[in-house]
C-alpha atoms as a PDB file:
ATOM      1  CA  MET A   1       0.000   0.000   0.000  1.00  0.00           C
ATOM      2  CA  GLN A   2       1.226   3.455  -0.782  1.00  0.00           C
ATOM      3  CA  ILE A   3       0.589   6.253   1.683  1.00  0.00           C
ATOM      4  CA  LYS A   4       0.777   9.960   0.951  1.00  0.00           C
ATOM      5  CA  HIS A   5       3.131  12.490   2.465  1.00  0.00           C
ATOM      6  CA  GLY A   6       1.672  13.637   5.801  1.00  0.00           C
ATOM      7  CA  THR A   7      -0.203  10.408   6.562  1.00  0.00           C
ATOM      8  CA  LEU A   8      -0.301   9.607  10.279  1.00  0.00           C
ATOM      9  CA  VAL A   9       0.735   6.117  11.405  1.00  0.00           C
ATOM     10  CA  MET A  10      -0.101   4.866  14.902  1.00  0.00           C
ATOM     11  CA  VAL A  11       1.581   1.717  16.208  1.00  0.00           C
ATOM     12  CA  ALA A  12       0.310   0.465  19.556  1.00  0.00           C
ATOM     13  CA  ASP A  13       0.063  -2.475  21.881  1.00  0.00           C
ATOM     14  CA  GLY A  14      -1.240  -2.560  25.446  1.00  0.00           C
ATOM     15  CA  THR A  15       1.736  -0.704  26.911  1.00  0.00           C
ATOM     16  CA  LYS A  16       3.445   1.233  24.115  1.00  0.00           C
ATOM     17  CA  MET A  17       2.163   3.756  21.581  1.00  0.00           C
ATOM     18  CA  LEU A  18       4.091   5.395  18.757  1.00  0.00           C
ATOM     19  CA  LEU A  19       2.616   8.073  16.513  1.00  0.00           C
ATOM     20  CA  PHE A  20       4.452   8.799  13.264  1.00  0.00           C
ATOM     21  CA  ARG A  21       3.984  11.110  10.305  1.00  0.00           C
ATOM     22  CA  ASN A  22       5.088  10.052   6.830  1.00  0.00           C
ATOM     23  CA  GLU A  23       7.669  12.623   5.732  1.00  0.00           C
ATOM     24  CA  GLY A  24       8.411  10.644   2.587  1.00  0.00           C
ATOM     25  CA  ASP A  25       6.203  10.170  -0.435  1.00  0.00           C
ATOM     26  CA  GLU A  26       4.095   7.366  -1.901  1.00  0.00           C
ATOM     27  CA  LYS A  27       7.164   5.499  -3.127  1.00  0.00           C
ATOM     28  CA  PHE A  28       9.430   5.807  -0.076  1.00  0.00           C
ATOM     29  CA  ILE A  29       7.896   5.872   3.403  1.00  0.00           C
ATOM     30  CA  VAL A  30       9.912   7.895   5.921  1.00  0.00           C
ATOM     31  CA  LEU A  31       8.371   7.780   9.400  1.00  0.00           C
ATOM     32  CA  GLU A  32       9.075  10.695  11.744  1.00  0.00           C
ATOM     33  CA  THR A  33       8.056  10.281  15.391  1.00  0.00           C
ATOM     34  CA  LEU A  34       5.436  12.740  16.653  1.00  0.00           C
ATOM     35  CA  GLU A  35       4.534  11.078  19.968  1.00  0.00           C
ATOM     36  CA  HIS A  36       5.839   8.209  22.071  1.00  0.00           C
ATOM     37  CA  GLU A  37       4.046   6.885  25.163  1.00  0.00           C
ATOM     38  CA  VAL A  38       4.997   3.944  27.376  1.00  0.00           C
ATOM     39  CA  ASP A  39       2.836   2.684  30.229  1.00  0.00           C
ATOM     40  CA  ALA A  40       4.477   1.050  33.226  1.00  0.00           C
ATOM     41  CA  ASN A  41       2.132  -1.916  33.563  1.00  0.00           C
ATOM     42  CA  PRO A  42       3.353  -4.440  36.143  1.00  0.00           C
ATOM     43  CA  LYS A  43       2.052  -7.999  36.053  1.00  0.00           C
ATOM     44  CA  SER A  44      -1.375  -8.675  37.563  1.00  0.00           C
ATOM     45  CA  SER A  45      -0.027 -10.359  40.685  1.00  0.00           C
ATOM     46  CA  ASP A  46       1.868  -7.158  41.549  1.00  0.00           C
ATOM     47  CA  GLN A  47      -1.225  -4.996  41.052  1.00  0.00           C
ATOM     48  CA  GLY A  48      -3.649  -6.988  43.180  1.00  0.00           C
ATOM     49  CA  THR A  49      -3.498 -10.260  45.082  1.00  0.00           C
ATOM     50  CA  ASP A  50      -6.917 -10.475  46.649  1.00  0.00           C
ATOM     51  CA  THR A  51      -8.744 -13.786  46.380  1.00  0.00           C
ATOM     52  CA  PRO A  52     -11.810 -13.980  44.143  1.00  0.00           C
ATOM     53  CA  GLY A  53     -15.078 -12.973  45.770  1.00  0.00           C
ATOM     54  CA  ARG A  54     -17.808 -15.470  46.674  1.00  0.00           C
ATOM     55  CA  VAL A  55     -21.557 -15.164  46.477  1.00  0.00           C
ATOM     56  CA  GLN A  56     -24.348 -17.092  48.187  1.00  0.00           C
ATOM     57  CA  SER A  57     -27.366 -18.061  46.109  1.00  0.00           C
ATOM     58  CA  ARG A  58     -30.637 -16.443  47.233  1.00  0.00           C
ATOM     59  CA  VAL A  59     -32.414 -19.753  46.817  1.00  0.00           C
ATOM     60  CA  GLY A  60     -30.942 -22.977  48.150  1.00  0.00           C
ATOM     61  CA  SER A  61     -27.481 -23.527  49.486  1.00  0.00           C
ATOM     62  CA  GLY A  62     -25.441 -22.918  46.305  1.00  0.00           C
ATOM     63  CA  ARG A  63     -22.297 -20.826  46.390  1.00  0.00           C
ATOM     64  CA  SER A  64     -20.067 -19.656  43.581  1.00  0.00           C
ATOM     65  CA  SER A  65     -17.026 -17.485  43.131  1.00  0.00           C
ATOM     66  CA  TYR A  66     -16.214 -14.573  40.872  1.00  0.00           C
ATOM     67  CA  ASP A  67     -13.252 -14.563  38.534  1.00  0.00           C
ATOM     68  CA  GLU A  68     -10.210 -12.761  39.832  1.00  0.00           C
ATOM     69  CA  THR A  69      -9.870  -9.244  38.427  1.00  0.00           C
ATOM     70  CA  ASP A  70      -7.307  -9.016  35.623  1.00  0.00           C
ATOM     71  CA  TRP A  71      -5.639  -5.744  36.619  1.00  0.00           C
ATOM     72  CA  HIS A  72      -3.083  -6.071  33.842  1.00  0.00           C
ATOM     73  CA  GLN A  73      -5.764  -6.252  31.142  1.00  0.00           C
ATOM     74  CA  GLN A  74      -7.678  -3.353  32.679  1.00  0.00           C
ATOM     75  CA  SER A  75      -4.513  -1.253  32.548  1.00  0.00           C
ATOM     76  CA  GLU A  76      -3.927  -2.200  28.886  1.00  0.00           C
ATOM     77  CA  ASP A  77      -7.520  -1.249  27.997  1.00  0.00           C
ATOM     78  CA  GLU A  78      -7.120   2.106  29.757  1.00  0.00           C
ATOM     79  CA  PHE A  79      -3.876   2.706  27.860  1.00  0.00           C
ATOM     80  CA  ALA A  80      -5.697   1.972  24.577  1.00  0.00           C
ATOM     81  CA  ARG A  81      -8.323   4.588  25.499  1.00  0.00           C
ATOM     82  CA  THR A  82      -5.536   7.107  26.156  1.00  0.00           C
ATOM     83  CA  ALA A  83      -3.877   6.238  22.826  1.00  0.00           C
ATOM     84  CA  ALA A  84      -7.199   6.717  21.001  1.00  0.00           C
ATOM     85  CA  GLY A  85      -7.499  10.173  22.576  1.00  0.00           C
ATOM     86  CA  ILE A  86      -4.007  11.099  21.380  1.00  0.00           C
ATOM     87  CA  LEU A  87      -4.878   9.848  17.888  1.00  0.00           C
ATOM     88  CA  GLU A  88      -8.095  11.883  17.846  1.00  0.00           C
ATOM     89  CA  SER A  89      -6.169  15.045  18.796  1.00  0.00           C
ATOM     90  CA  ALA A  90      -3.614  14.379  16.057  1.00  0.00           C
ATOM     91  CA  ALA A  91      -6.384  13.753  13.504  1.00  0.00           C
ATOM     92  CA  GLU A  92      -7.999  17.081  14.384  1.00  0.00           C
ATOM     93  CA  GLN A  93      -4.653  18.911  14.304  1.00  0.00           C
ATOM     94  CA  HIS A  94      -3.480  17.470  10.970  1.00  0.00           C
ATOM     95  CA  GLY A  95      -6.782  18.027   9.173  1.00  0.00           C
ATOM     96  CA  ASP A  96      -7.148  15.945   6.051  1.00  0.00           C
ATOM     97  CA  ALA A  97      -4.214  13.580   6.686  1.00  0.00           C
ATOM     98  CA  GLY A  98      -5.058   9.900   6.412  1.00  0.00           C
ATOM     99  CA  ILE A  99      -4.387   7.514   9.296  1.00  0.00           C
ATOM    100  CA  VAL A 100      -2.922   4.019   9.335  1.00  0.00           C
ATOM    101  CA  VAL A 101      -3.380   2.098  12.608  1.00  0.00           C
ATOM    102  CA  ILE A 102      -1.142  -0.880  13.370  1.00  0.00           C
ATOM    103  CA  SER A 103      -1.947  -2.636  16.603  1.00  0.00           C
ATOM    104  CA  ALA A 104      -2.091  -5.963  18.386  1.00  0.00           C
ATOM    105  CA  PRO A 105      -5.536  -7.504  17.698  1.00  0.00           C
ATOM    106  CA  ARG A 106      -6.978  -7.087  21.226  1.00  0.00           C
ATOM    107  CA  THR A 107      -5.687  -3.514  21.498  1.00  0.00           C
ATOM    108  CA  LEU A 108      -7.015  -2.717  18.015  1.00  0.00           C
ATOM    109  CA  GLY A 109     -10.473  -3.818  19.133  1.00  0.00           C
ATOM    110  CA  GLU A 110     -10.308  -1.503  22.138  1.00  0.00           C
ATOM    111  CA  LEU A 111      -9.004   1.363  19.989  1.00  0.00           C
ATOM    112  CA  ARG A 112     -11.900   0.962  17.527  1.00  0.00           C
ATOM    113  CA  LYS A 113     -14.398   1.395  20.350  1.00  0.00           C
ATOM    114  CA  GLN A 114     -12.767   4.706  21.272  1.00  0.00           C
ATOM    115  CA  TYR A 115     -12.289   6.308  17.833  1.00  0.00           C
ATOM    116  CA  GLY A 116     -13.654   9.837  17.668  1.00  0.00           C
ATOM    117  CA  GLY A 117     -15.307  11.424  14.653  1.00  0.00           C
ATOM    118  CA  ALA A 118     -12.120  12.859  13.139  1.00  0.00           C
ATOM    119  CA  THR A 119     -10.323   9.528  13.515  1.00  0.00           C
ATOM    120  CA  LYS A 120     -13.170   7.510  11.963  1.00  0.00           C
ATOM    121  CA  LYS A 121     -13.173   9.763   8.905  1.00  0.00           C
ATOM    122  CA  ALA A 122      -9.388   9.653   8.474  1.00  0.00           C
ATOM    123  CA  VAL A 123      -8.580   5.943   8.973  1.00  0.00           C
ATOM    124  CA  ILE A 124      -7.521   4.462   5.639  1.00  0.00           C
ATOM    125  CA  CYS A 125      -6.072   1.162   6.871  1.00  0.00           C
ATOM    126  CA  GLU A 126      -5.932  -0.980  10.015  1.00  0.00           C
ATOM    127  CA  ILE A 127      -3.308  -3.706  10.381  1.00  0.00           C
ATOM    128  CA  ASP A 128      -3.719  -6.219  13.200  1.00  0.00           C
ATOM    129  CA  LYS A 129      -0.075  -6.929  14.030  1.00  0.00           C
ATOM    130  CA  ASP A 130       1.967  -6.201  17.140  1.00  0.00           C
ATOM    131  CA  LEU A 131       4.820  -4.048  15.808  1.00  0.00           C
ATOM    132  CA  ALA A 132       5.281  -1.694  18.774  1.00  0.00           C
ATOM    133  CA  ASN A 133       8.784  -2.998  19.456  1.00  0.00           C
ATOM    134  CA  HIS A 134       9.938  -3.115  15.831  1.00  0.00           C
ATOM    135  CA  THR A 135      12.072  -0.637  13.892  1.00  0.00           C
ATOM    136  CA  THR A 136      10.541   2.100  11.759  1.00  0.00           C
ATOM    137  CA  ASP A 137      12.034   0.450   8.675  1.00  0.00           C
ATOM    138  CA  HIS A 138      10.181  -2.790   9.439  1.00  0.00           C
ATOM    139  CA  ILE A 139       6.956  -0.876  10.085  1.00  0.00           C
ATOM    140  CA  ALA A 140       7.341   0.887   6.738  1.00  0.00           C
ATOM    141  CA  GLU A 141       7.887  -2.508   5.035  1.00  0.00           C
ATOM    142  CA  VAL A 142       4.694  -3.896   6.581  1.00  0.00           C
ATOM    143  CA  ILE A 143       2.702  -0.865   5.376  1.00  0.00           C
ATOM    144  CA  ALA A 144       4.168  -1.129   1.889  1.00  0.00           C
ATOM    145  CA  ALA A 145       3.298  -4.847   1.751  1.00  0.00           C
ATOM    146  CA  GLN A 146      -0.402  -4.192   2.417  1.00  0.00           C
END
């Protein structure tokens, strides 16, 4: 896929977000970093170690337990909401620039829920791959291969 000069590219996973702008042209993608966010998200056992809750049935003697809260996943979902807000601001600021979103599948689903109006209008491609820890050259190759 060829992207125009000025196209925004967001690469995100649950803990890292990179926002680039294509400073190259349709033939040669040159990604310049606009924003970089990293979330310190410790593992779930470090965030909460309480045992799952239990509930008594109103009728009879049945009891059951709740699933333990996945604090790690909640933190990743919150980070995706923050990343979507940053993307919306960039979409409003850069006007008619297109947007390419590259994200891990679960994070991409959370991002889609949070897209604002400017982002929805500007998204030209979504790629469900986790490339947050890859080089800009590899990211450009993945975009070009689409």
